Amino acid sequence: MTTPTIEDTINFIKAAHAGQVDKGGVEYWKHPVSVMHRLGSDASDESKLVALLHDVIEDTEYTAEDLLRLGYPRSVVASVERLTKPKGVTYLDCIEAIAASGDRMAIAVKRADNQDNLDPDRLSRLPPEKRTGDDKYRRSIEILTAALSGAAGEE
């Protein structure tokens, strides 16, 4: 089985997130696409797939096993699972676990996710009462950036 392409995956997330909108009322699938673009042009295809799929297990009926059956590499699915916040775990505890994992794809995608969540254009579409969490996302970016810097020094 061949690995789904970026285009295949965008079509998949459009279907998987069908009917979902973000807090600003925008079709949800656009957020993972934005996260993918934030990784930059040098990002590997596997990292781009992780970015596109990063909320699928958490926010849809799809499981890790489903993603494997669809042909996604085990490394991609493992990173997506790492990015899936377990119930009962605080956000920053989840971020610390991602940072400590050494999984550069997951760390980079989560940082890009946080950067997208803080994007001024995205925030401007939110009602004032939903413009919360800035400190949480900024702290997360600091933790993840430090983890990427440390991981780069270890290679």
C-alpha atoms as a PDB file:
ATOM      1  CA  MET A   1       0.000   0.000   0.000  1.00  0.00           C
ATOM      2  CA  THR A   2       1.349   3.435  -0.880  1.00  0.00           C
ATOM      3  CA  THR A   3       1.389   6.314   1.570  1.00  0.00           C
ATOM      4  CA  PRO A   4      -1.410   8.831   0.942  1.00  0.00           C
ATOM      5  CA  THR A   5      -0.184  12.071  -0.622  1.00  0.00           C
ATOM      6  CA  ILE A   6      -0.584  15.552   0.848  1.00  0.00           C
ATOM      7  CA  GLU A   7      -3.504  16.124  -1.550  1.00  0.00           C
ATOM      8  CA  ASP A   8      -5.100  12.794  -0.552  1.00  0.00           C
ATOM      9  CA  THR A   9      -4.727  13.756   3.093  1.00  0.00           C
ATOM     10  CA  ILE A  10      -6.287  17.189   2.616  1.00  0.00           C
ATOM     11  CA  ASN A  11      -9.272  15.490   0.985  1.00  0.00           C
ATOM     12  CA  PHE A  12      -9.380  12.993   3.864  1.00  0.00           C
ATOM     13  CA  ILE A  13      -9.373  15.681   6.568  1.00  0.00           C
ATOM     14  CA  LYS A  14     -12.074  17.638   4.721  1.00  0.00           C
ATOM     15  CA  ALA A  15     -14.282  14.553   5.020  1.00  0.00           C
ATOM     16  CA  ALA A  16     -13.126  13.614   8.540  1.00  0.00           C
ATOM     17  CA  HIS A  17     -13.776  17.123   9.888  1.00  0.00           C
ATOM     18  CA  ALA A  18     -16.954  17.661   7.806  1.00  0.00           C
ATOM     19  CA  GLY A  19     -19.427  19.850   9.664  1.00  0.00           C
ATOM     20  CA  GLN A  20     -16.834  21.000  12.206  1.00  0.00           C
ATOM     21  CA  VAL A  21     -15.995  24.687  12.534  1.00  0.00           C
ATOM     22  CA  ASP A  22     -13.432  26.454  14.679  1.00  0.00           C
ATOM     23  CA  LYS A  23     -14.332  29.002  17.373  1.00  0.00           C
ATOM     24  CA  GLY A  24     -14.419  31.694  14.679  1.00  0.00           C
ATOM     25  CA  GLY A  25     -16.890  29.764  12.522  1.00  0.00           C
ATOM     26  CA  VAL A  26     -14.350  28.770   9.832  1.00  0.00           C
ATOM     27  CA  GLU A  27     -14.413  25.221   8.432  1.00  0.00           C
ATOM     28  CA  TYR A  28     -12.136  23.288  10.787  1.00  0.00           C
ATOM     29  CA  TRP A  29     -10.093  21.460   8.135  1.00  0.00           C
ATOM     30  CA  LYS A  30      -8.488  24.784   7.177  1.00  0.00           C
ATOM     31  CA  HIS A  31      -6.670  24.900  10.543  1.00  0.00           C
ATOM     32  CA  PRO A  32      -4.552  21.741   9.955  1.00  0.00           C
ATOM     33  CA  VAL A  33      -3.701  23.023   6.457  1.00  0.00           C
ATOM     34  CA  SER A  34      -2.506  26.288   8.005  1.00  0.00           C
ATOM     35  CA  VAL A  35      -0.480  24.342  10.582  1.00  0.00           C
ATOM     36  CA  MET A  36       1.154  22.392   7.743  1.00  0.00           C
ATOM     37  CA  HIS A  37       2.132  25.635   5.960  1.00  0.00           C
ATOM     38  CA  ARG A  38       3.626  27.009   9.191  1.00  0.00           C
ATOM     39  CA  LEU A  39       6.130  24.134   9.181  1.00  0.00           C
ATOM     40  CA  GLY A  40       7.795  25.762   6.176  1.00  0.00           C
ATOM     41  CA  SER A  41       8.888  24.537   2.785  1.00  0.00           C
ATOM     42  CA  ASP A  42      11.789  22.505   4.209  1.00  0.00           C
ATOM     43  CA  ALA A  43       9.472  20.272   6.259  1.00  0.00           C
ATOM     44  CA  SER A  44       9.422  16.601   5.322  1.00  0.00           C
ATOM     45  CA  ASP A  45       6.326  15.081   3.747  1.00  0.00           C
ATOM     46  CA  GLU A  46       5.888  12.977   6.901  1.00  0.00           C
ATOM     47  CA  SER A  47       5.864  16.126   9.054  1.00  0.00           C
ATOM     48  CA  LYS A  48       3.302  17.685   6.719  1.00  0.00           C
ATOM     49  CA  LEU A  49       1.111  14.582   7.045  1.00  0.00           C
ATOM     50  CA  VAL A  50       1.353  14.788  10.850  1.00  0.00           C
ATOM     51  CA  ALA A  51       0.307  18.452  10.694  1.00  0.00           C
ATOM     52  CA  LEU A  52      -2.693  17.652   8.514  1.00  0.00           C
ATOM     53  CA  LEU A  53      -3.752  14.726  10.707  1.00  0.00           C
ATOM     54  CA  HIS A  54      -2.900  16.221  14.109  1.00  0.00           C
ATOM     55  CA  ASP A  55      -6.516  16.576  15.311  1.00  0.00           C
ATOM     56  CA  VAL A  56      -8.088  13.587  13.541  1.00  0.00           C
ATOM     57  CA  ILE A  57      -7.851  11.078  16.410  1.00  0.00           C
ATOM     58  CA  GLU A  58      -8.837  13.659  19.041  1.00  0.00           C
ATOM     59  CA  ASP A  59     -11.715  15.321  17.165  1.00  0.00           C
ATOM     60  CA  THR A  60     -13.205  12.681  14.838  1.00  0.00           C
ATOM     61  CA  GLU A  61     -14.288   9.048  14.993  1.00  0.00           C
ATOM     62  CA  TYR A  62     -11.044   7.881  13.332  1.00  0.00           C
ATOM     63  CA  THR A  63      -8.508   5.878  15.339  1.00  0.00           C
ATOM     64  CA  ALA A  64      -4.791   5.248  14.979  1.00  0.00           C
ATOM     65  CA  GLU A  65      -5.635   1.819  13.575  1.00  0.00           C
ATOM     66  CA  ASP A  66      -7.809   3.460  10.915  1.00  0.00           C
ATOM     67  CA  LEU A  67      -4.928   5.715   9.870  1.00  0.00           C
ATOM     68  CA  LEU A  68      -2.602   2.717   9.601  1.00  0.00           C
ATOM     69  CA  ARG A  69      -5.191   0.875   7.492  1.00  0.00           C
ATOM     70  CA  LEU A  70      -5.403   3.913   5.207  1.00  0.00           C
ATOM     71  CA  GLY A  71      -1.665   3.547   4.537  1.00  0.00           C
ATOM     72  CA  TYR A  72      -0.144   6.207   6.778  1.00  0.00           C
ATOM     73  CA  PRO A  73       3.330   5.249   8.005  1.00  0.00           C
ATOM     74  CA  ARG A  74       3.632   4.033  11.589  1.00  0.00           C
ATOM     75  CA  SER A  75       5.942   6.989  12.374  1.00  0.00           C
ATOM     76  CA  VAL A  76       3.268   9.470  11.232  1.00  0.00           C
ATOM     77  CA  VAL A  77       0.535   7.731  13.213  1.00  0.00           C
ATOM     78  CA  ALA A  78       2.760   7.558  16.311  1.00  0.00           C
ATOM     79  CA  SER A  79       3.317  11.322  16.138  1.00  0.00           C
ATOM     80  CA  VAL A  80      -0.411  11.964  15.666  1.00  0.00           C
ATOM     81  CA  GLU A  81      -1.133   9.781  18.707  1.00  0.00           C
ATOM     82  CA  ARG A  82       1.456  11.732  20.715  1.00  0.00           C
ATOM     83  CA  LEU A  83      -0.374  14.955  19.750  1.00  0.00           C
ATOM     84  CA  THR A  84      -3.736  13.581  20.901  1.00  0.00           C
ATOM     85  CA  LYS A  85      -4.469  15.059  24.334  1.00  0.00           C
ATOM     86  CA  PRO A  86      -5.545  12.364  26.788  1.00  0.00           C
ATOM     87  CA  LYS A  87      -8.652  13.073  28.830  1.00  0.00           C
ATOM     88  CA  GLY A  88      -7.865  14.262  32.340  1.00  0.00           C
ATOM     89  CA  VAL A  89      -4.382  15.569  31.479  1.00  0.00           C
ATOM     90  CA  THR A  90      -3.779  19.316  31.687  1.00  0.00           C
ATOM     91  CA  TYR A  91      -2.750  21.123  28.530  1.00  0.00           C
ATOM     92  CA  LEU A  92       0.716  22.057  29.789  1.00  0.00           C
ATOM     93  CA  ASP A  93       1.325  18.537  31.139  1.00  0.00           C
ATOM     94  CA  CYS A  94       0.536  17.261  27.646  1.00  0.00           C
ATOM     95  CA  ILE A  95       2.948  19.827  26.150  1.00  0.00           C
ATOM     96  CA  GLU A  96       5.689  18.768  28.588  1.00  0.00           C
ATOM     97  CA  ALA A  97       5.185  15.126  27.562  1.00  0.00           C
ATOM     98  CA  ILE A  98       5.413  16.023  23.859  1.00  0.00           C
ATOM     99  CA  ALA A  99       8.567  18.072  24.521  1.00  0.00           C
ATOM    100  CA  ALA A 100      10.149  15.245  26.534  1.00  0.00           C
ATOM    101  CA  SER A 101       9.303  12.636  23.892  1.00  0.00           C
ATOM    102  CA  GLY A 102      12.109  13.625  21.523  1.00  0.00           C
ATOM    103  CA  ASP A 103       9.625  13.219  18.635  1.00  0.00           C
ATOM    104  CA  ARG A 104      10.766  16.132  16.455  1.00  0.00           C
ATOM    105  CA  MET A 105       7.765  15.824  14.126  1.00  0.00           C
ATOM    106  CA  ALA A 106       5.281  16.007  16.993  1.00  0.00           C
ATOM    107  CA  ILE A 107       7.176  18.846  18.687  1.00  0.00           C
ATOM    108  CA  ALA A 108       7.403  20.924  15.490  1.00  0.00           C
ATOM    109  CA  VAL A 109       3.752  20.322  14.584  1.00  0.00           C
ATOM    110  CA  LYS A 110       2.523  21.220  18.073  1.00  0.00           C
ATOM    111  CA  ARG A 111       4.561  24.430  17.995  1.00  0.00           C
ATOM    112  CA  ALA A 112       3.090  25.300  14.580  1.00  0.00           C
ATOM    113  CA  ASP A 113      -0.388  24.464  15.943  1.00  0.00           C
ATOM    114  CA  ASN A 114       0.145  26.886  18.835  1.00  0.00           C
ATOM    115  CA  GLN A 115       1.471  29.559  16.479  1.00  0.00           C
ATOM    116  CA  ASP A 116      -1.651  29.168  14.354  1.00  0.00           C
ATOM    117  CA  ASN A 117      -3.849  29.420  17.450  1.00  0.00           C
ATOM    118  CA  LEU A 118      -2.156  32.766  18.228  1.00  0.00           C
ATOM    119  CA  ASP A 119      -2.375  34.097  14.661  1.00  0.00           C
ATOM    120  CA  PRO A 120      -3.813  37.649  14.796  1.00  0.00           C
ATOM    121  CA  ASP A 121      -6.018  37.057  11.727  1.00  0.00           C
ATOM    122  CA  ARG A 122      -7.465  33.919  13.283  1.00  0.00           C
ATOM    123  CA  LEU A 123      -7.936  35.621  16.664  1.00  0.00           C
ATOM    124  CA  SER A 124      -9.676  38.599  15.029  1.00  0.00           C
ATOM    125  CA  ARG A 125     -12.482  36.295  13.840  1.00  0.00           C
ATOM    126  CA  LEU A 126     -13.194  35.108  17.387  1.00  0.00           C
ATOM    127  CA  PRO A 127     -15.811  36.702  19.606  1.00  0.00           C
ATOM    128  CA  PRO A 128     -14.057  38.551  22.481  1.00  0.00           C
ATOM    129  CA  GLU A 129     -15.124  35.953  25.065  1.00  0.00           C
ATOM    130  CA  LYS A 130     -13.358  33.210  23.080  1.00  0.00           C
ATOM    131  CA  ARG A 131     -10.028  35.052  22.778  1.00  0.00           C
ATOM    132  CA  THR A 132      -8.512  33.192  25.699  1.00  0.00           C
ATOM    133  CA  GLY A 133      -5.537  30.953  26.213  1.00  0.00           C
ATOM    134  CA  ASP A 134      -2.851  33.265  24.834  1.00  0.00           C
ATOM    135  CA  ASP A 135      -0.568  32.725  27.839  1.00  0.00           C
ATOM    136  CA  LYS A 136      -1.026  28.953  27.603  1.00  0.00           C
ATOM    137  CA  TYR A 137      -0.062  28.928  23.923  1.00  0.00           C
ATOM    138  CA  ARG A 138       2.889  31.293  24.417  1.00  0.00           C
ATOM    139  CA  ARG A 139       4.255  29.125  27.254  1.00  0.00           C
ATOM    140  CA  SER A 140       3.744  26.037  25.111  1.00  0.00           C
ATOM    141  CA  ILE A 141       5.712  27.587  22.235  1.00  0.00           C
ATOM    142  CA  GLU A 142       8.583  28.377  24.642  1.00  0.00           C
ATOM    143  CA  ILE A 143       8.659  24.787  25.940  1.00  0.00           C
ATOM    144  CA  LEU A 144       8.492  23.268  22.451  1.00  0.00           C
ATOM    145  CA  THR A 145      11.094  25.645  20.987  1.00  0.00           C
ATOM    146  CA  ALA A 146      13.488  24.750  23.807  1.00  0.00           C
ATOM    147  CA  ALA A 147      12.840  21.054  23.156  1.00  0.00           C
ATOM    148  CA  LEU A 148      13.584  21.462  19.441  1.00  0.00           C
ATOM    149  CA  SER A 149      16.783  23.375  20.232  1.00  0.00           C
ATOM    150  CA  GLY A 150      17.866  20.667  22.664  1.00  0.00           C
ATOM    151  CA  ALA A 151      17.000  17.880  20.236  1.00  0.00           C
ATOM    152  CA  ALA A 152      18.956  19.613  17.466  1.00  0.00           C
ATOM    153  CA  GLY A 153      21.995  19.781  19.750  1.00  0.00           C
ATOM    154  CA  GLU A 154      21.782  16.039  20.420  1.00  0.00           C
ATOM    155  CA  GLU A 155      21.827  14.969  16.764  1.00  0.00           C
END
